[in-house]
Amino acid sequence: MLDEEDQKWIEPWVELWGDKMTRMAFLIIHDRELAQDVVQEAFFRLHRQHCQNPHVSISVGWLYAVTRNVALDARRKRKRDGVPFPIESEDMVSPNFESAVAMRLDVDKVLSQLSQKDRECLWLFYYAGLSTPEIAEALHMSNVSVRKRLHRARCRFSTIWKEMTYAEK
């Protein structure tokens, strides 16, 4: 149980980043409850890091890296234990479900042709809303490398998207 001071310290983190970290964990492990557990563990580690080193500043890049690592560990454990990955989505009740699925499949097809680092950079920048310094910290890269990788990933995504669109016509 957190005391009042610790509660006040961690609340802004949870409010600002809790949902984004949960969505990111969900994309890795495809299980809503497990994603919430992963994020809870990440916030526990954030709190522990703050308590052990209260004078050291912690960035959202650090939180992303921890959440990602915990989610990947959970995914590996689930795979090792032979537990299937459920696919669930709130969009399944939407009237635009089919077009949303088609678009998502097209985007996934393009993303699958990019490197893991390119996919992560694009996701962190566009979906999680991290800055290039935060992405650099999360992925253990320099700011210049992140900017170059984002530029190349955007160009590559655009090229593949256009090729795929023209091929369908």
Protein backbone atom coordinates (compact mmCIF):
# COMPACT_ATOMS: atom_id res chain seq x y z
CA MET A 1 0.00 0.00 0.00
CA LEU A 2 1.33 3.43 -0.95
CA ASP A 3 1.49 6.24 1.54
CA GLU A 4 -0.08 9.60 0.63
CA GLU A 5 3.17 11.14 -0.64
CA ASP A 6 3.93 8.17 -2.89
CA GLN A 7 0.32 8.19 -4.12
CA LYS A 8 0.63 11.87 -5.11
CA TRP A 9 3.91 11.18 -6.91
CA ILE A 10 2.68 8.26 -9.02
CA GLU A 11 -0.87 9.46 -9.83
CA PRO A 12 0.20 11.81 -12.66
CA TRP A 13 2.20 8.99 -14.23
CA VAL A 14 -0.77 6.65 -14.14
CA GLU A 15 -3.15 9.32 -15.48
CA LEU A 16 -0.85 10.36 -18.33
CA TRP A 17 0.60 7.02 -19.36
CA GLY A 18 -1.53 4.22 -17.92
CA ASP A 19 -3.87 3.82 -20.92
CA LYS A 20 -1.08 4.16 -23.49
CA MET A 21 1.08 1.61 -21.73
CA THR A 22 -1.89 -0.76 -21.44
CA ARG A 23 -2.61 -0.46 -25.17
CA MET A 24 1.04 -1.06 -25.98
CA ALA A 25 1.15 -4.12 -23.71
CA PHE A 26 -2.10 -5.37 -25.28
CA LEU A 27 -0.57 -5.12 -28.76
CA ILE A 28 2.24 -7.38 -27.58
CA ILE A 29 0.25 -9.99 -25.63
CA HIS A 30 -3.34 -9.73 -26.99
CA ASP A 31 -4.93 -10.22 -23.57
CA ARG A 32 -6.58 -7.28 -21.82
CA GLU A 33 -6.30 -8.61 -18.26
CA LEU A 34 -2.69 -9.68 -18.69
CA ALA A 35 -1.88 -6.28 -20.27
CA GLN A 36 -3.32 -4.57 -17.18
CA ASP A 37 -1.21 -6.83 -14.96
CA VAL A 38 1.87 -6.00 -17.02
CA VAL A 39 1.27 -2.26 -16.65
CA GLN A 40 0.65 -2.63 -12.93
CA GLU A 41 4.02 -4.39 -12.65
CA ALA A 42 5.67 -1.62 -14.69
CA PHE A 43 4.23 1.06 -12.41
CA PHE A 44 5.36 -0.94 -9.38
CA ARG A 45 8.89 -0.93 -10.83
CA LEU A 46 8.59 2.80 -11.54
CA HIS A 47 7.65 3.41 -7.92
CA ARG A 48 10.47 1.17 -6.67
CA GLN A 49 12.97 2.98 -8.90
CA HIS A 50 11.78 6.34 -7.56
CA CYS A 51 12.04 5.16 -3.94
CA GLN A 52 15.54 3.75 -4.45
CA ASN A 53 16.80 6.82 -6.34
CA PRO A 54 14.52 9.76 -5.49
CA HIS A 55 17.05 12.29 -6.80
CA VAL A 56 17.22 10.68 -10.27
CA SER A 57 14.74 11.84 -12.88
CA ILE A 58 12.73 9.08 -14.58
CA SER A 59 11.43 9.58 -18.11
CA VAL A 60 8.52 8.07 -19.97
CA GLY A 61 11.07 6.33 -22.19
CA TRP A 62 12.22 4.39 -19.13
CA LEU A 63 8.60 3.46 -18.34
CA TYR A 64 8.00 2.38 -21.94
CA ALA A 65 11.12 0.18 -21.93
CA VAL A 66 10.12 -1.48 -18.65
CA THR A 67 6.51 -2.04 -19.79
CA ARG A 68 7.69 -3.47 -23.11
CA ASN A 69 10.15 -5.82 -21.40
CA VAL A 70 7.56 -7.04 -18.88
CA ALA A 71 5.05 -7.59 -21.72
CA LEU A 72 7.61 -9.49 -23.80
CA ASP A 73 8.45 -11.66 -20.78
CA ALA A 74 4.74 -12.38 -20.26
CA ARG A 75 4.37 -13.23 -23.95
CA ARG A 76 7.35 -15.61 -23.85
CA LYS A 77 6.03 -17.28 -20.68
CA ARG A 78 2.58 -17.68 -22.21
CA LYS A 79 4.06 -19.15 -25.38
CA ARG A 80 6.35 -21.49 -23.40
CA ASP A 81 3.36 -22.67 -21.33
CA GLY A 82 1.36 -23.32 -24.51
CA VAL A 83 -1.41 -20.83 -23.66
CA PRO A 84 -3.08 -19.46 -26.82
CA PHE A 85 -3.29 -15.73 -27.46
CA PRO A 86 -6.89 -14.51 -27.50
CA ILE A 87 -7.78 -11.75 -29.95
CA GLU A 88 -10.31 -9.33 -28.56
CA SER A 89 -11.39 -5.88 -29.62
CA GLU A 90 -13.97 -3.33 -28.61
CA ASP A 91 -14.24 -2.43 -32.31
CA MET A 92 -15.95 -5.77 -33.02
CA VAL A 93 -19.31 -4.22 -32.11
CA SER A 94 -18.75 -1.20 -34.37
CA PRO A 95 -20.79 -0.91 -37.58
CA ASN A 96 -17.54 -0.05 -39.40
CA PHE A 97 -15.84 -3.17 -38.10
CA GLU A 98 -15.14 -4.74 -41.50
CA SER A 99 -13.53 -1.63 -42.98
CA ALA A 100 -11.56 -1.05 -39.78
CA VAL A 101 -10.29 -4.63 -39.88
CA ALA A 102 -9.39 -4.33 -43.57
CA MET A 103 -7.46 -1.11 -42.92
CA ARG A 104 -5.71 -2.62 -39.90
CA LEU A 105 -4.72 -5.70 -41.92
CA ASP A 106 -3.33 -3.48 -44.68
CA VAL A 107 -1.36 -1.40 -42.20
CA ASP A 108 -0.11 -4.57 -40.46
CA LYS A 109 0.94 -6.00 -43.83
CA VAL A 110 3.03 -2.88 -44.53
CA LEU A 111 4.45 -2.77 -41.00
CA SER A 112 5.44 -6.42 -41.20
CA GLN A 113 7.80 -5.50 -44.03
CA LEU A 114 9.63 -2.99 -41.80
CA SER A 115 12.27 -3.88 -39.25
CA GLN A 116 11.31 -4.29 -35.59
CA LYS A 117 13.11 -1.03 -34.67
CA ASP A 118 11.31 0.85 -37.47
CA ARG A 119 7.93 -0.46 -36.27
CA GLU A 120 8.73 0.48 -32.68
CA CYS A 121 9.90 3.97 -33.64
CA LEU A 122 6.76 4.63 -35.66
CA TRP A 123 4.50 3.28 -32.93
CA LEU A 124 6.20 5.28 -30.18
CA PHE A 125 6.13 8.48 -32.19
CA TYR A 126 2.65 8.33 -33.70
CA TYR A 127 0.68 6.19 -31.27
CA ALA A 128 2.34 6.70 -27.91
CA GLY A 129 3.20 10.32 -28.65
CA LEU A 130 6.76 10.13 -27.38
CA SER A 131 9.34 12.69 -28.40
CA THR A 132 12.51 11.66 -30.20
CA PRO A 133 14.61 11.97 -27.00
CA GLU A 134 12.12 9.73 -25.17
CA ILE A 135 12.19 7.20 -28.00
CA ALA A 136 15.99 7.34 -28.00
CA GLU A 137 16.06 6.50 -24.31
CA ALA A 138 13.49 3.73 -24.62
CA LEU A 139 15.27 2.06 -27.53
CA HIS A 140 18.83 2.83 -26.38
CA MET A 141 19.62 4.90 -29.46
CA SER A 142 20.87 8.44 -30.06
CA ASN A 143 18.42 11.24 -30.92
CA VAL A 144 19.99 11.52 -34.36
CA SER A 145 19.55 7.78 -34.97
CA VAL A 146 15.89 7.99 -33.97
CA ARG A 147 15.25 10.92 -36.32
CA LYS A 148 16.98 9.10 -39.19
CA ARG A 149 15.13 5.87 -38.43
CA LEU A 150 11.77 7.69 -38.30
CA HIS A 151 12.47 9.38 -41.63
CA ARG A 152 13.51 6.15 -43.34
CA ALA A 153 10.62 4.22 -41.77
CA ARG A 154 8.09 6.82 -42.99
CA CYS A 155 9.56 6.75 -46.49
CA ARG A 156 9.64 2.95 -46.55
CA PHE A 157 6.06 2.72 -45.20
CA SER A 158 4.85 5.18 -47.83
CA THR A 159 6.60 3.34 -50.65
CA ILE A 160 5.21 -0.06 -49.60
CA TRP A 161 1.74 1.40 -49.08
CA LYS A 162 1.72 2.91 -52.58
CA GLU A 163 2.99 -0.31 -54.14
CA MET A 164 0.32 -2.30 -52.33
CA THR A 165 -2.43 0.17 -53.35
CA TYR A 166 -1.37 0.14 -57.02
CA ALA A 167 -1.15 -3.65 -57.02
CA GLU A 168 -4.79 -3.88 -55.87
CA LYS A 169 -6.07 -1.76 -58.79
